[in-house]
Amino acid sequence: MGDKELADLLSALETPSSAKPAPIPAGLTVGKAVFSDGRPVPKHAVKVMIDVDKPMTAVTVKAGAPAPAPTSTAAPISKYTPPPAAPKAAAPKPAADDDIDAILGNMNFDEDAEVSIGFCASCRGGITRKMEHLNVFGNRYHTQHFNCGNCKVNIGNNPFYEKPASSPLCQGCYGRHYATNCNKCRKPIVDRECVRVDDLKYHPHCFTCTSCHIPLSIYWDRGGQPVCEKHYTERYTPRCFDCSQPIIGRILTAMGNERHPTCFKCSMCATQIKTESFFNNNGVPVCIKCDPRRR
């Protein structure tokens, strides 16, 4: 109903017709319904992939196992090829003292001898086939010498990061110096997946409902705190004056109370009052069609 119709209605109530005045029931006034939006639109916590280096693990070479192929473009360490065993002679023949070749030819080589296959990239000590060691980017390390380039703690078989290039870092040092911190727990985000809310980043398990602590992807902001749909509805959504249920959509405010628009009905014909103007007959709504003055 527009302003003109409302003015005509008020005039009819306040100024009776000169031909035949209509009696005005006691307590009858003109009410006005105000429509407003319901609870705010939920926000979305977006899962994003951030620029985090992938953790790596050194390859363990067991004692006696063949050395693995290099895993990077670094210059490979030359492969050791043991000398072929000398054929056994039917019968050793005497040789002169100065015949070195003959002496060596009659010697039996021990295949289990300590044969060096390279050097530790850290201490430069020798590594033999009998030693368990680590292969990292084509370089070999004694297991106890593969250390963090920053804090010098032994990395061993634990995950590590190569940043800056060719300098292994343990997870702790990588997190402190290069990773983004979670806005809630303040710990580094070392996995690529995180949750972004506005300009803030969280671990996926850290962005949770303030009430029930379940991880959120859709949430309602309540004073800067994320709340899930269930608890926002239960605790913060207004209740309808007529049916006492939460008002999810639009809110109709009339006679000092909030209602579902579908619950605001005429007390005489029980139809929904869809217009902004209505009659307030002693605290109960009456639609325009059921004008109490006609009774």
C-alpha atoms as a PDB file:
ATOM      1  CA  MET A   1       0.000   0.000   0.000  1.00  0.00           C
ATOM      2  CA  GLY A   2       1.334   3.381  -1.008  1.00  0.00           C
ATOM      3  CA  ASP A   3       1.465   6.663   0.912  1.00  0.00           C
ATOM      4  CA  LYS A   4      -1.730   7.930  -0.709  1.00  0.00           C
ATOM      5  CA  GLU A   5      -3.737   4.835   0.254  1.00  0.00           C
ATOM      6  CA  LEU A   6      -2.353   5.017   3.807  1.00  0.00           C
ATOM      7  CA  ALA A   7      -3.323   8.705   4.044  1.00  0.00           C
ATOM      8  CA  ASP A   8      -6.826   7.907   2.823  1.00  0.00           C
ATOM      9  CA  LEU A   9      -7.122   5.140   5.387  1.00  0.00           C
ATOM     10  CA  LEU A  10      -6.007   7.399   8.221  1.00  0.00           C
ATOM     11  CA  SER A  11      -8.394  10.102   7.045  1.00  0.00           C
ATOM     12  CA  ALA A  12     -11.267   7.639   7.014  1.00  0.00           C
ATOM     13  CA  LEU A  13     -10.511   6.634  10.595  1.00  0.00           C
ATOM     14  CA  GLU A  14     -10.042  10.141  11.948  1.00  0.00           C
ATOM     15  CA  THR A  15     -12.648  12.082   9.949  1.00  0.00           C
ATOM     16  CA  PRO A  16     -16.020  10.336   9.693  1.00  0.00           C
ATOM     17  CA  SER A  17     -18.072  10.950   6.560  1.00  0.00           C
ATOM     18  CA  SER A  18     -20.529  13.862   6.876  1.00  0.00           C
ATOM     19  CA  ALA A  19     -23.291  11.768   5.337  1.00  0.00           C
ATOM     20  CA  LYS A  20     -23.140   8.902   7.836  1.00  0.00           C
ATOM     21  CA  PRO A  21     -20.260   8.794  10.350  1.00  0.00           C
ATOM     22  CA  ALA A  22     -18.842   5.345  10.925  1.00  0.00           C
ATOM     23  CA  PRO A  23     -18.223   4.437  14.544  1.00  0.00           C
ATOM     24  CA  ILE A  24     -14.564   3.772  15.391  1.00  0.00           C
ATOM     25  CA  PRO A  25     -14.113   0.714  17.637  1.00  0.00           C
ATOM     26  CA  ALA A  26     -12.256   1.430  20.813  1.00  0.00           C
ATOM     27  CA  GLY A  27      -8.545   0.616  20.540  1.00  0.00           C
ATOM     28  CA  LEU A  28      -8.541   0.534  16.741  1.00  0.00           C
ATOM     29  CA  THR A  29      -5.423   2.032  15.153  1.00  0.00           C
ATOM     30  CA  VAL A  30      -3.590   1.719  11.882  1.00  0.00           C
ATOM     31  CA  GLY A  31      -0.488  -0.447  12.108  1.00  0.00           C
ATOM     32  CA  LYS A  32       2.534  -0.537   9.813  1.00  0.00           C
ATOM     33  CA  ALA A  33       4.524  -3.650   9.013  1.00  0.00           C
ATOM     34  CA  VAL A  34       8.239  -3.222   8.330  1.00  0.00           C
ATOM     35  CA  PHE A  35      10.099  -5.814   6.295  1.00  0.00           C
ATOM     36  CA  SER A  36      13.828  -6.338   6.727  1.00  0.00           C
ATOM     37  CA  ASP A  37      16.455  -8.874   5.777  1.00  0.00           C
ATOM     38  CA  GLY A  38      16.943 -11.842   8.037  1.00  0.00           C
ATOM     39  CA  ARG A  39      20.215 -13.214   9.305  1.00  0.00           C
ATOM     40  CA  PRO A  40      23.276 -12.097   7.352  1.00  0.00           C
ATOM     41  CA  VAL A  41      24.499 -14.010   4.360  1.00  0.00           C
ATOM     42  CA  PRO A  42      27.069 -16.636   5.359  1.00  0.00           C
ATOM     43  CA  LYS A  43      30.671 -16.236   4.375  1.00  0.00           C
ATOM     44  CA  HIS A  44      32.930 -18.791   2.765  1.00  0.00           C
ATOM     45  CA  ALA A  45      36.298 -19.946   3.992  1.00  0.00           C
ATOM     46  CA  VAL A  46      38.223 -20.723   0.834  1.00  0.00           C
ATOM     47  CA  LYS A  47      40.669 -23.593   0.691  1.00  0.00           C
ATOM     48  CA  VAL A  48      43.692 -22.506  -1.302  1.00  0.00           C
ATOM     49  CA  MET A  49      47.051 -23.904  -2.298  1.00  0.00           C
ATOM     50  CA  ILE A  50      49.921 -21.726  -1.160  1.00  0.00           C
ATOM     51  CA  ASP A  51      53.521 -21.654  -2.306  1.00  0.00           C
ATOM     52  CA  VAL A  52      55.047 -24.112   0.118  1.00  0.00           C
ATOM     53  CA  ASP A  53      58.047 -26.220  -0.791  1.00  0.00           C
ATOM     54  CA  LYS A  54      57.395 -29.920  -0.890  1.00  0.00           C
ATOM     55  CA  PRO A  55      59.147 -31.829   1.900  1.00  0.00           C
ATOM     56  CA  MET A  56      61.659 -34.440   0.792  1.00  0.00           C
ATOM     57  CA  THR A  57      63.247 -37.476   2.387  1.00  0.00           C
ATOM     58  CA  ALA A  58      66.760 -38.769   1.898  1.00  0.00           C
ATOM     59  CA  VAL A  59      67.135 -42.205   0.292  1.00  0.00           C
ATOM     60  CA  THR A  60      68.637 -44.752   2.651  1.00  0.00           C
ATOM     61  CA  VAL A  61      71.170 -47.084   1.064  1.00  0.00           C
ATOM     62  CA  LYS A  62      71.477 -50.277   3.067  1.00  0.00           C
ATOM     63  CA  ALA A  63      74.836 -51.848   3.703  1.00  0.00           C
ATOM     64  CA  GLY A  64      75.869 -54.015   0.773  1.00  0.00           C
ATOM     65  CA  ALA A  65      73.146 -52.661  -1.524  1.00  0.00           C
ATOM     66  CA  PRO A  66      74.064 -51.124  -4.864  1.00  0.00           C
ATOM     67  CA  ALA A  67      74.167 -47.345  -4.824  1.00  0.00           C
ATOM     68  CA  PRO A  68      70.929 -45.780  -6.157  1.00  0.00           C
ATOM     69  CA  ALA A  69      70.944 -43.591  -9.229  1.00  0.00           C
ATOM     70  CA  PRO A  70      71.295 -39.837  -8.629  1.00  0.00           C
ATOM     71  CA  THR A  71      67.930 -38.075  -8.009  1.00  0.00           C
ATOM     72  CA  SER A  72      68.843 -34.649  -9.334  1.00  0.00           C
ATOM     73  CA  THR A  73      70.855 -32.920 -12.003  1.00  0.00           C
ATOM     74  CA  ALA A  74      73.880 -32.850  -9.718  1.00  0.00           C
ATOM     75  CA  ALA A  75      76.963 -34.532 -11.148  1.00  0.00           C
ATOM     76  CA  PRO A  76      76.672 -38.238 -10.359  1.00  0.00           C
ATOM     77  CA  ILE A  77      79.376 -39.999  -8.469  1.00  0.00           C
ATOM     78  CA  SER A  78      81.243 -42.416 -10.697  1.00  0.00           C
ATOM     79  CA  LYS A  79      80.106 -45.969 -10.315  1.00  0.00           C
ATOM     80  CA  TYR A  80      82.711 -48.314  -8.896  1.00  0.00           C
ATOM     81  CA  THR A  81      83.433 -51.387 -10.962  1.00  0.00           C
ATOM     82  CA  PRO A  82      85.388 -54.050  -9.097  1.00  0.00           C
ATOM     83  CA  PRO A  83      88.273 -55.625 -11.008  1.00  0.00           C
ATOM     84  CA  PRO A  84      87.534 -58.993 -12.527  1.00  0.00           C
ATOM     85  CA  ALA A  85      88.742 -61.940 -10.557  1.00  0.00           C
ATOM     86  CA  ALA A  86      91.884 -63.467 -11.913  1.00  0.00           C
ATOM     87  CA  PRO A  87      91.382 -66.869 -13.491  1.00  0.00           C
ATOM     88  CA  LYS A  88      92.665 -69.722 -11.396  1.00  0.00           C
ATOM     89  CA  ALA A  89      95.745 -71.243 -12.786  1.00  0.00           C
ATOM     90  CA  ALA A  90      95.939 -74.967 -13.096  1.00  0.00           C
ATOM     91  CA  ALA A  91      99.128 -74.916 -11.151  1.00  0.00           C
ATOM     92  CA  PRO A  92     101.074 -71.946  -9.851  1.00  0.00           C
ATOM     93  CA  LYS A  93     104.311 -71.598 -11.613  1.00  0.00           C
ATOM     94  CA  PRO A  94     107.329 -70.082 -10.014  1.00  0.00           C
ATOM     95  CA  ALA A  95     108.075 -66.518 -10.846  1.00  0.00           C
ATOM     96  CA  ALA A  96     111.026 -64.352 -10.481  1.00  0.00           C
ATOM     97  CA  ASP A  97     111.093 -61.876  -7.617  1.00  0.00           C
ATOM     98  CA  ASP A  98     110.931 -58.995 -10.018  1.00  0.00           C
ATOM     99  CA  ASP A  99     107.965 -60.408 -11.961  1.00  0.00           C
ATOM    100  CA  ILE A 100     105.246 -58.279 -10.223  1.00  0.00           C
ATOM    101  CA  ASP A 101     102.563 -59.065 -12.771  1.00  0.00           C
ATOM    102  CA  ALA A 102     102.968 -62.739 -12.184  1.00  0.00           C
ATOM    103  CA  ILE A 103     102.795 -62.292  -8.416  1.00  0.00           C
ATOM    104  CA  LEU A 104      99.556 -60.253  -8.668  1.00  0.00           C
ATOM    105  CA  GLY A 105      98.063 -62.772 -11.042  1.00  0.00           C
ATOM    106  CA  ASN A 106      98.432 -65.513  -8.466  1.00  0.00           C
ATOM    107  CA  MET A 107      96.645 -63.483  -5.696  1.00  0.00           C
ATOM    108  CA  ASN A 108      92.977 -64.144  -4.796  1.00  0.00           C
ATOM    109  CA  PHE A 109      90.878 -60.943  -4.320  1.00  0.00           C
ATOM    110  CA  ASP A 110      88.448 -60.815  -1.430  1.00  0.00           C
ATOM    111  CA  GLU A 111      85.058 -59.666  -2.797  1.00  0.00           C
ATOM    112  CA  ASP A 112      83.891 -58.753   0.744  1.00  0.00           C
ATOM    113  CA  ALA A 113      86.725 -56.346   1.311  1.00  0.00           C
ATOM    114  CA  GLU A 114      86.009 -52.740   2.352  1.00  0.00           C
ATOM    115  CA  VAL A 115      85.632 -51.112  -1.060  1.00  0.00           C
ATOM    116  CA  SER A 116      85.142 -47.336  -1.151  1.00  0.00           C
ATOM    117  CA  ILE A 117      82.217 -46.143  -3.298  1.00  0.00           C
ATOM    118  CA  GLY A 118      82.550 -42.435  -2.581  1.00  0.00           C
ATOM    119  CA  PHE A 119      82.930 -39.756   0.033  1.00  0.00           C
ATOM    120  CA  CYS A 120      80.534 -38.130   2.526  1.00  0.00           C
ATOM    121  CA  ALA A 121      79.518 -34.700   1.185  1.00  0.00           C
ATOM    122  CA  SER A 122      79.698 -33.317   4.731  1.00  0.00           C
ATOM    123  CA  CYS A 123      82.815 -34.714   6.392  1.00  0.00           C
ATOM    124  CA  ARG A 124      84.560 -35.931   3.217  1.00  0.00           C
ATOM    125  CA  GLY A 125      85.165 -39.255   4.906  1.00  0.00           C
ATOM    126  CA  GLY A 126      85.017 -42.447   2.863  1.00  0.00           C
ATOM    127  CA  ILE A 127      81.835 -44.488   2.381  1.00  0.00           C
ATOM    128  CA  THR A 128      82.101 -48.187   1.602  1.00  0.00           C
ATOM    129  CA  ARG A 129      79.616 -50.722   0.366  1.00  0.00           C
ATOM    130  CA  LYS A 130      79.349 -52.121   3.882  1.00  0.00           C
ATOM    131  CA  MET A 131      78.147 -48.793   5.301  1.00  0.00           C
ATOM    132  CA  GLU A 132      74.515 -47.749   5.469  1.00  0.00           C
ATOM    133  CA  HIS A 133      74.368 -44.180   4.200  1.00  0.00           C
ATOM    134  CA  LEU A 134      72.069 -41.590   2.639  1.00  0.00           C
ATOM    135  CA  ASN A 135      71.740 -40.524  -0.981  1.00  0.00           C
ATOM    136  CA  VAL A 136      70.548 -36.916  -1.390  1.00  0.00           C
ATOM    137  CA  PHE A 137      70.478 -35.231  -4.793  1.00  0.00           C
ATOM    138  CA  GLY A 138      73.246 -37.482  -6.054  1.00  0.00           C
ATOM    139  CA  ASN A 139      75.463 -36.880  -3.027  1.00  0.00           C
ATOM    140  CA  ARG A 140      76.241 -39.419  -0.352  1.00  0.00           C
ATOM    141  CA  TYR A 141      76.250 -38.738   3.392  1.00  0.00           C
ATOM    142  CA  HIS A 142      77.029 -40.693   6.486  1.00  0.00           C
ATOM    143  CA  THR A 143      73.637 -40.967   8.172  1.00  0.00           C
ATOM    144  CA  GLN A 144      74.913 -39.101  11.217  1.00  0.00           C
ATOM    145  CA  HIS A 145      76.337 -36.288   9.071  1.00  0.00           C
ATOM    146  CA  PHE A 146      73.216 -35.279   7.110  1.00  0.00           C
ATOM    147  CA  ASN A 147      72.376 -32.178   9.177  1.00  0.00           C
ATOM    148  CA  CYS A 148      70.199 -29.066   8.899  1.00  0.00           C
ATOM    149  CA  GLY A 149      72.095 -26.263   7.193  1.00  0.00           C
ATOM    150  CA  ASN A 150      70.787 -23.769   9.761  1.00  0.00           C
ATOM    151  CA  CYS A 151      70.577 -25.333  13.234  1.00  0.00           C
ATOM    152  CA  LYS A 152      72.898 -28.291  12.476  1.00  0.00           C
ATOM    153  CA  VAL A 153      70.490 -30.821  14.005  1.00  0.00           C
ATOM    154  CA  ASN A 154      70.725 -34.253  12.426  1.00  0.00           C
ATOM    155  CA  ILE A 155      67.981 -34.781   9.832  1.00  0.00           C
ATOM    156  CA  GLY A 156      68.631 -38.445   9.123  1.00  0.00           C
ATOM    157  CA  ASN A 157      65.560 -40.003   7.476  1.00  0.00           C
ATOM    158  CA  ASN A 158      63.202 -37.206   8.560  1.00  0.00           C
ATOM    159  CA  PRO A 159      61.562 -34.883   5.991  1.00  0.00           C
ATOM    160  CA  PHE A 160      63.571 -31.829   5.029  1.00  0.00           C
ATOM    161  CA  TYR A 161      63.362 -28.842   2.685  1.00  0.00           C
ATOM    162  CA  GLU A 162      65.866 -27.631   0.126  1.00  0.00           C
ATOM    163  CA  LYS A 163      65.741 -23.861   0.619  1.00  0.00           C
ATOM    164  CA  PRO A 164      67.922 -22.052  -0.170  1.00  0.00           C
ATOM    165  CA  ALA A 165      69.070 -24.266  -3.014  1.00  0.00           C
ATOM    166  CA  SER A 166      71.285 -27.182  -2.058  1.00  0.00           C
ATOM    167  CA  SER A 167      71.089 -26.393   1.673  1.00  0.00           C
ATOM    168  CA  PRO A 168      68.827 -28.862   3.505  1.00  0.00           C
ATOM    169  CA  LEU A 169      66.635 -27.423   6.257  1.00  0.00           C
ATOM    170  CA  CYS A 170      64.780 -29.332   8.948  1.00  0.00           C
ATOM    171  CA  GLN A 171      61.037 -28.749   9.296  1.00  0.00           C
ATOM    172  CA  GLY A 172      61.490 -26.475  12.294  1.00  0.00           C
ATOM    173  CA  CYS A 173      63.909 -24.096  10.570  1.00  0.00           C
ATOM    174  CA  TYR A 174      61.899 -24.062   7.374  1.00  0.00           C
ATOM    175  CA  GLY A 175      58.770 -23.150   9.303  1.00  0.00           C
ATOM    176  CA  ARG A 176      60.464 -20.376  11.271  1.00  0.00           C
ATOM    177  CA  HIS A 177      62.195 -18.729   8.333  1.00  0.00           C
ATOM    178  CA  TYR A 178      60.080 -19.394   5.229  1.00  0.00           C
ATOM    179  CA  ALA A 179      56.555 -20.654   6.040  1.00  0.00           C
ATOM    180  CA  THR A 180      53.374 -18.601   6.656  1.00  0.00           C
ATOM    181  CA  ASN A 181      52.061 -18.737  10.231  1.00  0.00           C
ATOM    182  CA  CYS A 182      48.493 -19.829  10.987  1.00  0.00           C
ATOM    183  CA  ASN A 183      46.408 -16.900  12.270  1.00  0.00           C
ATOM    184  CA  LYS A 184      44.978 -19.033  15.091  1.00  0.00           C
ATOM    185  CA  CYS A 185      47.704 -21.312  16.459  1.00  0.00           C
ATOM    186  CA  ARG A 186      50.578 -19.129  15.144  1.00  0.00           C
ATOM    187  CA  LYS A 187      52.426 -22.255  14.017  1.00  0.00           C
ATOM    188  CA  PRO A 188      53.912 -22.485  10.512  1.00  0.00           C
ATOM    189  CA  ILE A 189      51.773 -23.848   7.683  1.00  0.00           C
ATOM    190  CA  VAL A 190      54.102 -26.409   6.122  1.00  0.00           C
ATOM    191  CA  ASP A 191      51.421 -28.191   4.064  1.00  0.00           C
ATOM    192  CA  ARG A 192      50.404 -26.666   0.750  1.00  0.00           C
ATOM    193  CA  GLU A 193      46.660 -26.637   1.563  1.00  0.00           C
ATOM    194  CA  CYS A 194      45.381 -23.944   3.890  1.00  0.00           C
ATOM    195  CA  VAL A 195      42.180 -21.977   4.547  1.00  0.00           C
ATOM    196  CA  ARG A 196      42.064 -18.324   3.556  1.00  0.00           C
ATOM    197  CA  VAL A 197      39.611 -15.945   5.209  1.00  0.00           C
ATOM    198  CA  ASP A 198      39.918 -12.409   3.881  1.00  0.00           C
ATOM    199  CA  ASP A 199      43.695 -11.863   4.016  1.00  0.00           C
ATOM    200  CA  LEU A 200      44.341 -14.343   6.824  1.00  0.00           C
ATOM    201  CA  LYS A 201      45.485 -17.952   6.502  1.00  0.00           C
ATOM    202  CA  TYR A 202      44.750 -20.915   8.760  1.00  0.00           C
ATOM    203  CA  HIS A 203      45.509 -24.599   9.004  1.00  0.00           C
ATOM    204  CA  PRO A 204      42.343 -26.379   7.771  1.00  0.00           C
ATOM    205  CA  HIS A 205      41.896 -27.906  11.231  1.00  0.00           C
ATOM    206  CA  CYS A 206      42.356 -24.539  12.983  1.00  0.00           C
ATOM    207  CA  PHE A 207      39.512 -22.578  11.348  1.00  0.00           C
ATOM    208  CA  THR A 208      36.636 -23.895  13.479  1.00  0.00           C
ATOM    209  CA  CYS A 209      33.290 -22.880  14.967  1.00  0.00           C
ATOM    210  CA  THR A 210      33.692 -20.864  18.160  1.00  0.00           C
ATOM    211  CA  SER A 211      31.004 -22.983  19.845  1.00  0.00           C
ATOM    212  CA  CYS A 212      31.483 -26.586  18.720  1.00  0.00           C
ATOM    213  CA  HIS A 213      35.003 -26.396  17.209  1.00  0.00           C
ATOM    214  CA  ILE A 214      34.190 -28.276  13.996  1.00  0.00           C
ATOM    215  CA  PRO A 215      36.198 -27.190  10.913  1.00  0.00           C
ATOM    216  CA  LEU A 216      34.283 -24.697   8.773  1.00  0.00           C
ATOM    217  CA  SER A 217      33.964 -23.954   5.089  1.00  0.00           C
ATOM    218  CA  ILE A 218      30.739 -21.896   5.406  1.00  0.00           C
ATOM    219  CA  TYR A 219      30.335 -19.754   8.493  1.00  0.00           C
ATOM    220  CA  TRP A 220      28.623 -16.738  10.044  1.00  0.00           C
ATOM    221  CA  ASP A 221      30.657 -13.910  11.495  1.00  0.00           C
ATOM    222  CA  ARG A 222      29.665 -13.057  15.042  1.00  0.00           C
ATOM    223  CA  GLY A 223      31.780 -10.222  16.388  1.00  0.00           C
ATOM    224  CA  GLY A 224      34.787 -11.393  14.415  1.00  0.00           C
ATOM    225  CA  GLN A 225      34.345 -15.021  15.520  1.00  0.00           C
ATOM    226  CA  PRO A 226      33.275 -17.769  13.072  1.00  0.00           C
ATOM    227  CA  VAL A 227      30.102 -19.666  13.981  1.00  0.00           C
ATOM    228  CA  CYS A 228      28.597 -22.687  12.219  1.00  0.00           C
ATOM    229  CA  GLU A 229      25.035 -22.637  10.881  1.00  0.00           C
ATOM    230  CA  LYS A 230      23.620 -24.808  13.663  1.00  0.00           C
ATOM    231  CA  HIS A 231      24.858 -22.633  16.512  1.00  0.00           C
ATOM    232  CA  TYR A 232      24.218 -19.341  14.747  1.00  0.00           C
ATOM    233  CA  THR A 233      20.596 -20.419  14.248  1.00  0.00           C
ATOM    234  CA  GLU A 234      20.208 -21.616  17.827  1.00  0.00           C
ATOM    235  CA  ARG A 235      21.864 -18.664  19.569  1.00  0.00           C
ATOM    236  CA  TYR A 236      21.712 -15.586  17.389  1.00  0.00           C
ATOM    237  CA  THR A 237      18.799 -15.898  14.933  1.00  0.00           C
ATOM    238  CA  PRO A 238      15.623 -14.029  16.067  1.00  0.00           C
ATOM    239  CA  ARG A 239      12.530 -16.114  16.908  1.00  0.00           C
ATOM    240  CA  CYS A 240       9.112 -15.604  15.427  1.00  0.00           C
ATOM    241  CA  PHE A 241       6.585 -14.089  17.876  1.00  0.00           C
ATOM    242  CA  ASP A 242       3.796 -16.332  16.527  1.00  0.00           C
ATOM    243  CA  CYS A 243       5.447 -19.768  16.016  1.00  0.00           C
ATOM    244  CA  SER A 244       8.632 -19.404  18.148  1.00  0.00           C
ATOM    245  CA  GLN A 245      10.805 -20.850  15.362  1.00  0.00           C
ATOM    246  CA  PRO A 246      14.015 -19.181  14.100  1.00  0.00           C
ATOM    247  CA  ILE A 247      13.510 -16.637  11.326  1.00  0.00           C
ATOM    248  CA  ILE A 248      15.895 -17.670   8.558  1.00  0.00           C
ATOM    249  CA  GLY A 249      14.711 -15.422   5.735  1.00  0.00           C
ATOM    250  CA  ARG A 250      13.051 -12.003   5.726  1.00  0.00           C
ATOM    251  CA  ILE A 251      11.772 -10.589   8.999  1.00  0.00           C
ATOM    252  CA  LEU A 252       8.458  -8.786   9.421  1.00  0.00           C
ATOM    253  CA  THR A 253       8.318  -6.412  12.373  1.00  0.00           C
ATOM    254  CA  ALA A 254       4.820  -5.390  13.419  1.00  0.00           C
ATOM    255  CA  MET A 255       3.287  -4.252  16.714  1.00  0.00           C
ATOM    256  CA  GLY A 256       6.723  -4.381  18.345  1.00  0.00           C
ATOM    257  CA  ASN A 257       7.448  -8.035  17.526  1.00  0.00           C
ATOM    258  CA  GLU A 258       9.419  -9.915  14.888  1.00  0.00           C
ATOM    259  CA  ARG A 259       7.666 -12.565  12.814  1.00  0.00           C
ATOM    260  CA  HIS A 260       7.918 -14.752   9.761  1.00  0.00           C
ATOM    261  CA  PRO A 261       6.028 -12.888   7.027  1.00  0.00           C
ATOM    262  CA  THR A 262       3.914 -16.026   6.514  1.00  0.00           C
ATOM    263  CA  CYS A 263       2.947 -16.095  10.196  1.00  0.00           C
ATOM    264  CA  PHE A 264       1.478 -12.574  10.251  1.00  0.00           C
ATOM    265  CA  LYS A 265      -2.199 -13.276   9.648  1.00  0.00           C
ATOM    266  CA  CYS A 266      -5.516 -11.508  10.041  1.00  0.00           C
ATOM    267  CA  SER A 267      -7.246 -12.428  13.284  1.00  0.00           C
ATOM    268  CA  MET A 268     -10.630 -12.449  11.506  1.00  0.00           C
ATOM    269  CA  CYS A 269     -10.087 -14.267   8.189  1.00  0.00           C
ATOM    270  CA  ALA A 270      -6.782 -16.019   9.000  1.00  0.00           C
ATOM    271  CA  THR A 271      -5.209 -14.975   5.699  1.00  0.00           C
ATOM    272  CA  GLN A 272      -1.653 -13.719   5.502  1.00  0.00           C
ATOM    273  CA  ILE A 273      -1.342  -9.949   5.719  1.00  0.00           C
ATOM    274  CA  LYS A 274       0.947  -9.075   2.839  1.00  0.00           C
ATOM    275  CA  THR A 275       0.484  -5.298   2.845  1.00  0.00           C
ATOM    276  CA  GLU A 276       2.529  -2.885   4.923  1.00  0.00           C
ATOM    277  CA  SER A 277      -0.622  -1.357   6.459  1.00  0.00           C
ATOM    278  CA  PHE A 278      -3.194  -3.142   8.576  1.00  0.00           C
ATOM    279  CA  PHE A 279      -5.521  -2.494  11.467  1.00  0.00           C
ATOM    280  CA  ASN A 280      -4.320  -2.995  15.026  1.00  0.00           C
ATOM    281  CA  ASN A 281      -7.480  -3.945  16.858  1.00  0.00           C
ATOM    282  CA  ASN A 282      -6.588  -3.994  20.551  1.00  0.00           C
ATOM    283  CA  GLY A 283      -3.294  -5.792  19.943  1.00  0.00           C
ATOM    284  CA  VAL A 284      -4.451  -8.208  17.255  1.00  0.00           C
ATOM    285  CA  PRO A 285      -3.881  -7.659  13.517  1.00  0.00           C
ATOM    286  CA  VAL A 286      -6.799  -7.227  11.140  1.00  0.00           C
ATOM    287  CA  CYS A 287      -6.348  -6.993   7.371  1.00  0.00           C
ATOM    288  CA  ILE A 288      -7.734  -4.093   5.365  1.00  0.00           C
ATOM    289  CA  LYS A 289     -10.464  -6.248   3.820  1.00  0.00           C
ATOM    290  CA  CYS A 290     -11.809  -7.130   7.268  1.00  0.00           C
ATOM    291  CA  ASP A 291     -12.232  -3.424   8.194  1.00  0.00           C
ATOM    292  CA  PRO A 292     -13.604  -3.555  11.790  1.00  0.00           C
ATOM    293  CA  ARG A 293     -15.698  -0.456  11.116  1.00  0.00           C
ATOM    294  CA  ARG A 294     -17.935  -2.507   8.887  1.00  0.00           C
ATOM    295  CA  ARG A 295     -18.968  -4.846  11.662  1.00  0.00           C
END
